[in-house]
Amino acid sequence: MSAARKPAKSRVKKTKRYWSARVTRESDALDLKKGVFALNDPRRIALSLKHSAEQSHRRKAEPYRSALSMLTFYINRAGKNLPAARKRILMRAKVELRTLFNKPPQRRAASRA
């Protein structure tokens, strides 16, 4: 007496979806211009983020903080898959954001010897 087997469920092939892509696309903080993180000029990236942050009425923090958070989020989510050259451009965009928002230069932590 063998137990009756249930028919196998048909498996629907799903496309891979990343929550981080959805956050970048549908964030309440900012409505980003398409392809902003693919730009090669750090200043243009920073200007676009600044514009998006200032125009947004849904953000919860001040514009500088929202823009910097979105840029940092993108860098962190890309992780090891982000080429060094692209990461340099995005890190320079952080510096440009500070300049555009008239924030003082970031201090570096003292090295431990």
N, C-alpha and C. Protein backbone atom coordinates (compact mmCIF):
# COMPACT_ATOMS: atom_id res chain seq x y z
N MET A 1 0.82 -1.18 0.00
CA MET A 1 0.00 0.00 0.00
C MET A 1 0.86 1.25 0.00
N SER A 2 1.01 1.79 -1.14
CA SER A 2 1.81 3.02 -1.21
C SER A 2 0.88 4.23 -1.17
N ALA A 3 1.39 5.27 -0.59
CA ALA A 3 0.59 6.50 -0.49
C ALA A 3 0.42 7.11 -1.87
N ALA A 4 -0.73 7.66 -2.09
CA ALA A 4 -0.99 8.28 -3.40
C ALA A 4 -0.13 9.53 -3.54
N ARG A 5 0.51 9.62 -4.69
CA ARG A 5 1.37 10.80 -4.94
C ARG A 5 0.54 11.92 -5.53
N LYS A 6 0.87 13.12 -5.09
CA LYS A 6 0.22 14.29 -5.65
C LYS A 6 0.91 14.62 -6.97
N PRO A 7 0.17 15.10 -7.94
CA PRO A 7 0.83 15.47 -9.20
C PRO A 7 1.78 16.64 -8.97
N ALA A 8 2.90 16.59 -9.67
CA ALA A 8 3.90 17.65 -9.54
C ALA A 8 3.31 18.97 -10.04
N LYS A 9 3.56 20.03 -9.30
CA LYS A 9 3.06 21.34 -9.71
C LYS A 9 3.90 21.81 -10.90
N SER A 10 3.22 22.40 -11.83
CA SER A 10 3.98 22.93 -12.97
C SER A 10 4.76 24.15 -12.47
N ARG A 11 6.00 24.19 -12.84
CA ARG A 11 6.86 25.27 -12.38
C ARG A 11 6.93 26.35 -13.44
N VAL A 12 6.62 27.54 -13.03
CA VAL A 12 6.68 28.68 -13.93
C VAL A 12 8.04 29.33 -13.73
N LYS A 13 8.72 29.51 -14.84
CA LYS A 13 10.05 30.11 -14.76
C LYS A 13 9.89 31.61 -14.46
N LYS A 14 10.45 32.04 -13.37
CA LYS A 14 10.36 33.45 -12.99
C LYS A 14 11.66 34.15 -13.34
N THR A 15 11.52 35.39 -13.72
CA THR A 15 12.73 36.17 -13.96
C THR A 15 13.29 36.58 -12.62
N LYS A 16 14.59 36.71 -12.55
CA LYS A 16 15.23 37.09 -11.31
C LYS A 16 14.93 38.56 -11.03
N ARG A 17 14.45 38.83 -9.86
CA ARG A 17 14.13 40.21 -9.49
C ARG A 17 14.88 40.56 -8.22
N TYR A 18 15.47 41.73 -8.23
CA TYR A 18 16.25 42.19 -7.08
C TYR A 18 15.51 43.30 -6.36
N TRP A 19 15.42 43.19 -5.05
CA TRP A 19 14.75 44.22 -4.27
C TRP A 19 15.50 45.53 -4.37
N SER A 20 16.82 45.49 -4.52
CA SER A 20 17.59 46.73 -4.59
C SER A 20 17.26 47.52 -5.86
N ALA A 21 16.99 46.84 -6.95
CA ALA A 21 16.60 47.52 -8.18
C ALA A 21 15.25 48.20 -8.00
N ARG A 22 14.35 47.52 -7.28
CA ARG A 22 13.04 48.11 -7.03
C ARG A 22 13.16 49.35 -6.15
N VAL A 23 14.05 49.31 -5.14
CA VAL A 23 14.25 50.47 -4.27
C VAL A 23 14.77 51.64 -5.09
N THR A 24 15.75 51.38 -5.94
CA THR A 24 16.31 52.45 -6.77
C THR A 24 15.23 53.04 -7.68
N ARG A 25 14.38 52.21 -8.21
CA ARG A 25 13.35 52.62 -9.15
C ARG A 25 12.16 53.29 -8.48
N GLU A 26 11.73 52.76 -7.33
CA GLU A 26 10.47 53.20 -6.73
C GLU A 26 10.63 53.84 -5.36
N SER A 27 11.80 54.31 -5.04
CA SER A 27 12.06 54.86 -3.72
C SER A 27 11.13 56.04 -3.41
N ASP A 28 10.67 56.10 -2.16
CA ASP A 28 9.89 57.25 -1.73
C ASP A 28 10.78 58.48 -1.56
N ALA A 29 12.06 58.26 -1.40
CA ALA A 29 12.96 59.37 -1.16
C ALA A 29 13.18 60.21 -2.41
N LEU A 30 13.45 59.56 -3.53
CA LEU A 30 13.81 60.30 -4.74
C LEU A 30 13.22 59.67 -5.99
N ASP A 31 12.90 60.50 -6.95
CA ASP A 31 12.56 60.05 -8.30
C ASP A 31 13.79 60.30 -9.15
N LEU A 32 14.57 59.26 -9.36
CA LEU A 32 15.85 59.41 -10.06
C LEU A 32 15.67 59.44 -11.57
N LYS A 33 16.55 60.20 -12.21
CA LYS A 33 16.60 60.20 -13.67
C LYS A 33 17.16 58.84 -14.10
N LYS A 34 16.58 58.26 -15.14
CA LYS A 34 17.01 56.94 -15.60
C LYS A 34 18.49 56.99 -16.02
N GLY A 35 19.26 56.03 -15.55
CA GLY A 35 20.66 55.91 -15.93
C GLY A 35 21.60 56.87 -15.21
N VAL A 36 21.15 57.48 -14.13
CA VAL A 36 21.99 58.46 -13.44
C VAL A 36 23.29 57.84 -12.93
N PHE A 37 23.25 56.61 -12.47
CA PHE A 37 24.45 55.98 -11.93
C PHE A 37 25.38 55.45 -13.03
N ALA A 38 24.93 55.49 -14.26
CA ALA A 38 25.76 55.04 -15.38
C ALA A 38 26.54 56.19 -16.02
N LEU A 39 26.26 57.42 -15.58
CA LEU A 39 26.98 58.57 -16.13
C LEU A 39 28.46 58.48 -15.78
N ASN A 40 29.31 59.06 -16.62
CA ASN A 40 30.76 58.99 -16.39
C ASN A 40 31.33 60.25 -15.75
N ASP A 41 30.51 61.26 -15.56
CA ASP A 41 30.97 62.51 -14.96
C ASP A 41 30.42 62.62 -13.54
N PRO A 42 31.31 62.61 -12.53
CA PRO A 42 30.84 62.67 -11.14
C PRO A 42 29.99 63.91 -10.86
N ARG A 43 30.34 65.02 -11.48
CA ARG A 43 29.58 66.25 -11.26
C ARG A 43 28.15 66.13 -11.79
N ARG A 44 28.00 65.52 -12.96
CA ARG A 44 26.65 65.33 -13.53
C ARG A 44 25.82 64.39 -12.66
N ILE A 45 26.46 63.36 -12.12
CA ILE A 45 25.76 62.45 -11.22
C ILE A 45 25.27 63.22 -10.00
N ALA A 46 26.17 64.01 -9.41
CA ALA A 46 25.84 64.78 -8.21
C ALA A 46 24.75 65.81 -8.51
N LEU A 47 24.84 66.49 -9.65
CA LEU A 47 23.82 67.48 -10.01
C LEU A 47 22.45 66.83 -10.19
N SER A 48 22.43 65.67 -10.82
CA SER A 48 21.18 64.96 -11.03
C SER A 48 20.57 64.53 -9.69
N LEU A 49 21.40 63.99 -8.80
CA LEU A 49 20.92 63.57 -7.48
C LEU A 49 20.41 64.77 -6.68
N LYS A 50 21.14 65.89 -6.77
CA LYS A 50 20.74 67.11 -6.05
C LYS A 50 19.38 67.59 -6.57
N HIS A 51 19.24 67.63 -7.88
CA HIS A 51 17.99 68.07 -8.47
C HIS A 51 16.83 67.16 -8.03
N SER A 52 17.05 65.85 -8.10
CA SER A 52 16.01 64.90 -7.70
C SER A 52 15.63 65.07 -6.24
N ALA A 53 16.63 65.27 -5.39
CA ALA A 53 16.38 65.40 -3.95
C ALA A 53 15.63 66.69 -3.64
N GLU A 54 15.97 67.76 -4.33
CA GLU A 54 15.30 69.03 -4.07
C GLU A 54 13.87 69.06 -4.61
N GLN A 55 13.61 68.32 -5.68
CA GLN A 55 12.27 68.30 -6.28
C GLN A 55 11.32 67.35 -5.58
N SER A 56 11.86 66.38 -4.84
CA SER A 56 11.02 65.37 -4.21
C SER A 56 10.25 65.94 -3.02
N HIS A 57 8.98 65.61 -2.97
CA HIS A 57 8.14 66.03 -1.84
C HIS A 57 7.88 64.85 -0.92
N ARG A 58 8.40 63.69 -1.27
CA ARG A 58 8.15 62.48 -0.48
C ARG A 58 9.30 62.11 0.44
N ARG A 59 10.42 62.80 0.30
CA ARG A 59 11.60 62.42 1.10
C ARG A 59 11.35 62.72 2.57
N LYS A 60 12.06 61.99 3.42
CA LYS A 60 11.87 62.15 4.86
C LYS A 60 12.99 62.97 5.51
N ALA A 61 14.11 63.12 4.84
CA ALA A 61 15.25 63.88 5.36
C ALA A 61 15.49 65.08 4.46
N GLU A 62 16.50 65.89 4.82
CA GLU A 62 16.82 67.04 3.98
C GLU A 62 17.41 66.55 2.66
N PRO A 63 17.41 67.38 1.62
CA PRO A 63 17.83 66.94 0.28
C PRO A 63 19.24 66.33 0.24
N TYR A 64 20.20 66.95 0.94
CA TYR A 64 21.57 66.42 0.91
C TYR A 64 21.61 64.99 1.43
N ARG A 65 20.96 64.77 2.53
CA ARG A 65 20.98 63.44 3.15
C ARG A 65 20.31 62.40 2.26
N SER A 66 19.20 62.77 1.62
CA SER A 66 18.51 61.85 0.72
C SER A 66 19.36 61.49 -0.49
N ALA A 67 20.00 62.50 -1.07
CA ALA A 67 20.84 62.27 -2.25
C ALA A 67 22.04 61.39 -1.90
N LEU A 68 22.69 61.70 -0.79
CA LEU A 68 23.86 60.92 -0.38
C LEU A 68 23.46 59.50 -0.01
N SER A 69 22.32 59.35 0.63
CA SER A 69 21.85 58.00 1.00
C SER A 69 21.61 57.13 -0.23
N MET A 70 21.00 57.71 -1.26
CA MET A 70 20.72 56.94 -2.47
C MET A 70 22.02 56.55 -3.17
N LEU A 71 22.98 57.45 -3.22
CA LEU A 71 24.28 57.15 -3.84
C LEU A 71 25.01 56.06 -3.06
N THR A 72 25.04 56.19 -1.75
CA THR A 72 25.70 55.19 -0.91
C THR A 72 25.00 53.83 -1.03
N PHE A 73 23.67 53.84 -1.06
CA PHE A 73 22.90 52.62 -1.22
C PHE A 73 23.31 51.91 -2.52
N TYR A 74 23.40 52.67 -3.61
CA TYR A 74 23.76 52.07 -4.89
C TYR A 74 25.16 51.47 -4.83
N ILE A 75 26.12 52.18 -4.26
CA ILE A 75 27.50 51.69 -4.15
C ILE A 75 27.54 50.41 -3.31
N ASN A 76 26.86 50.42 -2.19
CA ASN A 76 26.87 49.25 -1.29
C ASN A 76 26.20 48.03 -1.92
N ARG A 77 25.09 48.24 -2.63
CA ARG A 77 24.39 47.11 -3.22
C ARG A 77 25.17 46.51 -4.39
N ALA A 78 25.94 47.33 -5.09
CA ALA A 78 26.74 46.80 -6.20
C ALA A 78 27.86 45.91 -5.67
N GLY A 79 28.39 46.25 -4.50
CA GLY A 79 29.40 45.43 -3.83
C GLY A 79 30.60 45.09 -4.68
N LYS A 80 30.97 43.82 -4.69
CA LYS A 80 32.15 43.35 -5.42
C LYS A 80 31.97 43.41 -6.93
N ASN A 81 30.73 43.48 -7.38
CA ASN A 81 30.48 43.51 -8.82
C ASN A 81 30.74 44.88 -9.44
N LEU A 82 31.01 45.88 -8.62
CA LEU A 82 31.25 47.23 -9.11
C LEU A 82 32.73 47.37 -9.49
N PRO A 83 33.03 47.61 -10.77
CA PRO A 83 34.43 47.77 -11.17
C PRO A 83 35.08 48.95 -10.45
N ALA A 84 36.38 48.87 -10.24
CA ALA A 84 37.11 49.91 -9.50
C ALA A 84 36.96 51.28 -10.15
N ALA A 85 37.00 51.33 -11.48
CA ALA A 85 36.88 52.62 -12.17
C ALA A 85 35.51 53.25 -11.92
N ARG A 86 34.46 52.43 -11.94
CA ARG A 86 33.10 52.94 -11.70
C ARG A 86 32.96 53.39 -10.26
N LYS A 87 33.55 52.63 -9.33
CA LYS A 87 33.48 53.00 -7.91
C LYS A 87 34.18 54.33 -7.67
N ARG A 88 35.32 54.56 -8.35
CA ARG A 88 36.03 55.84 -8.21
C ARG A 88 35.14 57.00 -8.66
N ILE A 89 34.46 56.81 -9.77
CA ILE A 89 33.56 57.86 -10.29
C ILE A 89 32.45 58.14 -9.27
N LEU A 90 31.86 57.09 -8.73
CA LEU A 90 30.76 57.28 -7.77
C LEU A 90 31.25 57.89 -6.45
N MET A 91 32.44 57.53 -6.03
CA MET A 91 33.00 58.12 -4.81
C MET A 91 33.31 59.61 -5.03
N ARG A 92 33.74 59.96 -6.23
CA ARG A 92 33.96 61.37 -6.55
C ARG A 92 32.63 62.13 -6.58
N ALA A 93 31.58 61.43 -6.98
CA ALA A 93 30.25 62.05 -6.98
C ALA A 93 29.83 62.42 -5.56
N LYS A 94 30.25 61.62 -4.57
CA LYS A 94 29.98 61.96 -3.17
C LYS A 94 30.64 63.28 -2.80
N VAL A 95 31.89 63.43 -3.23
CA VAL A 95 32.63 64.67 -2.95
C VAL A 95 31.93 65.85 -3.63
N GLU A 96 31.49 65.64 -4.86
CA GLU A 96 30.77 66.69 -5.59
C GLU A 96 29.47 67.07 -4.89
N LEU A 97 28.77 66.09 -4.34
CA LEU A 97 27.54 66.38 -3.60
C LEU A 97 27.82 67.28 -2.41
N ARG A 98 28.89 66.97 -1.69
CA ARG A 98 29.26 67.80 -0.54
C ARG A 98 29.50 69.24 -0.99
N THR A 99 30.19 69.38 -2.11
CA THR A 99 30.48 70.72 -2.64
C THR A 99 29.20 71.43 -3.06
N LEU A 100 28.34 70.75 -3.79
CA LEU A 100 27.09 71.36 -4.26
C LEU A 100 26.17 71.80 -3.13
N PHE A 101 26.20 71.08 -2.02
CA PHE A 101 25.35 71.41 -0.89
C PHE A 101 26.09 72.26 0.16
N ASN A 102 27.28 72.74 -0.19
CA ASN A 102 28.09 73.61 0.69
C ASN A 102 28.36 72.97 2.05
N LYS A 103 28.69 71.70 2.04
CA LYS A 103 29.04 71.00 3.26
C LYS A 103 30.56 71.04 3.42
N PRO A 104 31.07 71.08 4.65
CA PRO A 104 32.53 71.10 4.84
C PRO A 104 33.16 69.79 4.37
N PRO A 105 34.42 69.84 3.95
CA PRO A 105 35.09 68.60 3.51
C PRO A 105 35.10 67.55 4.62
N GLN A 106 34.98 66.31 4.20
CA GLN A 106 34.96 65.21 5.16
C GLN A 106 36.36 65.00 5.72
N ARG A 107 36.44 64.87 7.04
CA ARG A 107 37.74 64.62 7.66
C ARG A 107 38.05 63.15 7.61
N ARG A 108 39.31 62.85 7.44
CA ARG A 108 39.74 61.45 7.45
C ARG A 108 40.12 61.05 8.86
N ALA A 109 39.84 59.81 9.20
CA ALA A 109 40.22 59.31 10.52
C ALA A 109 41.74 59.17 10.59
N ALA A 110 42.30 59.42 11.75
CA ALA A 110 43.74 59.31 11.94
C ALA A 110 44.16 57.86 11.75
N SER A 111 45.27 57.67 11.06
CA SER A 111 45.74 56.30 10.82
C SER A 111 46.34 55.74 12.11
N ARG A 112 46.13 54.47 12.27
CA ARG A 112 46.69 53.80 13.47
C ARG A 112 48.04 53.21 13.13
N ALA A 113 49.03 53.61 13.84
CA ALA A 113 50.38 53.12 13.57
C ALA A 113 50.85 52.14 14.58
